[in-house]
Amino acid sequence: MITSSLEDYLEFIHNKISQDKEIKAIDIANKFNVSRPSVSEALIRLADMDLIIYEGRRGIKITPKGIKYAKKTVKKHKILT
């Protein structure tokens, strides 16, 4: 099951990659004011769900499944606001 924090991370990853920007775990840690190890743990969970490909220091890529889920999350957040 994906938590709201994981959804937020996935949405942030999708937005950055959609802007043709590289993203690394430290970017997520800085954005959400959380520790780098916490982000790494979360990224491993997202990778285990096949939503991203986490390449450690080489960055993060989003899978087609992750893109689909991120888009659904964006729609959900727009409805809630």
Protein backbone atom coordinates (compact mmCIF):
# COMPACT_ATOMS: atom_id res chain seq x y z
CA MET A 1 0.00 0.00 0.00
CA ILE A 2 1.22 3.47 -0.81
CA THR A 3 1.15 6.11 1.92
CA SER A 4 0.37 9.78 1.41
CA SER A 5 4.07 10.60 1.88
CA LEU A 6 5.03 8.15 -0.85
CA GLU A 7 2.37 9.67 -3.09
CA ASP A 8 3.84 13.12 -2.45
CA TYR A 9 7.34 11.91 -3.29
CA LEU A 10 6.12 10.20 -6.46
CA GLU A 11 4.22 13.30 -7.55
CA PHE A 12 7.32 15.46 -6.93
CA ILE A 13 9.50 13.02 -8.90
CA HIS A 14 7.02 13.03 -11.77
CA ASN A 15 6.83 16.83 -11.84
CA LYS A 16 10.61 17.24 -11.90
CA ILE A 17 11.14 14.62 -14.58
CA SER A 18 8.30 16.14 -16.64
CA GLN A 19 10.29 19.38 -16.59
CA ASP A 20 13.31 17.47 -17.98
CA LYS A 21 15.13 17.87 -14.69
CA GLU A 22 17.27 15.24 -13.05
CA ILE A 23 16.19 14.32 -9.55
CA LYS A 24 18.10 12.79 -6.69
CA ALA A 25 17.16 11.74 -3.18
CA ILE A 26 18.68 14.90 -1.70
CA ASP A 27 16.24 17.01 -3.76
CA ILE A 28 13.32 15.18 -2.16
CA ALA A 29 14.86 15.47 1.32
CA ASN A 30 15.28 19.21 0.87
CA LYS A 31 11.78 19.72 -0.58
CA PHE A 32 10.00 17.84 2.21
CA ASN A 33 12.45 18.72 5.01
CA VAL A 34 13.15 15.09 5.88
CA SER A 35 16.37 13.17 6.36
CA ARG A 36 18.22 11.70 3.41
CA PRO A 37 18.09 8.14 4.92
CA SER A 38 14.29 8.44 5.29
CA VAL A 39 14.01 9.39 1.63
CA SER A 40 16.26 6.51 0.57
CA GLU A 41 14.05 4.09 2.48
CA ALA A 42 10.95 5.53 0.82
CA LEU A 43 12.55 5.34 -2.63
CA ILE A 44 13.38 1.69 -2.09
CA ARG A 45 9.71 1.09 -1.24
CA LEU A 46 8.60 2.91 -4.40
CA ALA A 47 11.10 0.87 -6.42
CA ASP A 48 9.80 -2.36 -4.83
CA MET A 49 6.33 -1.36 -6.09
CA ASP A 50 7.78 -0.83 -9.60
CA LEU A 51 6.83 2.85 -9.55
CA ILE A 52 10.40 4.15 -9.91
CA ILE A 53 13.89 2.96 -10.70
CA TYR A 54 16.18 4.11 -7.91
CA GLU A 55 19.80 4.24 -9.01
CA GLY A 56 21.34 5.60 -5.82
CA ARG A 57 23.72 8.45 -6.59
CA ARG A 58 22.88 8.26 -10.30
CA GLY A 59 19.35 9.48 -9.65
CA ILE A 60 15.77 8.37 -10.00
CA LYS A 61 13.73 7.39 -13.01
CA ILE A 62 9.97 6.92 -13.07
CA THR A 63 8.41 3.83 -14.64
CA PRO A 64 5.31 3.83 -16.86
CA LYS A 65 3.39 2.41 -13.89
CA GLY A 66 4.76 5.25 -11.74
CA ILE A 67 3.72 7.86 -14.29
CA LYS A 68 0.20 6.48 -14.36
CA TYR A 69 -0.01 6.46 -10.56
CA ALA A 70 1.48 9.97 -10.28
CA LYS A 71 -1.07 11.35 -12.73
CA LYS A 72 -3.90 9.79 -10.70
CA THR A 73 -2.41 11.33 -7.56
CA VAL A 74 -2.25 14.77 -9.17
CA LYS A 75 -5.93 14.51 -10.16
CA LYS A 76 -6.85 13.39 -6.66
CA HIS A 77 -4.99 16.30 -5.09
CA LYS A 78 -6.65 18.78 -7.45
CA ILE A 79 -10.07 17.45 -6.49
CA LEU A 80 -9.26 17.76 -2.78
CA THR A 81 -8.13 21.39 -3.06
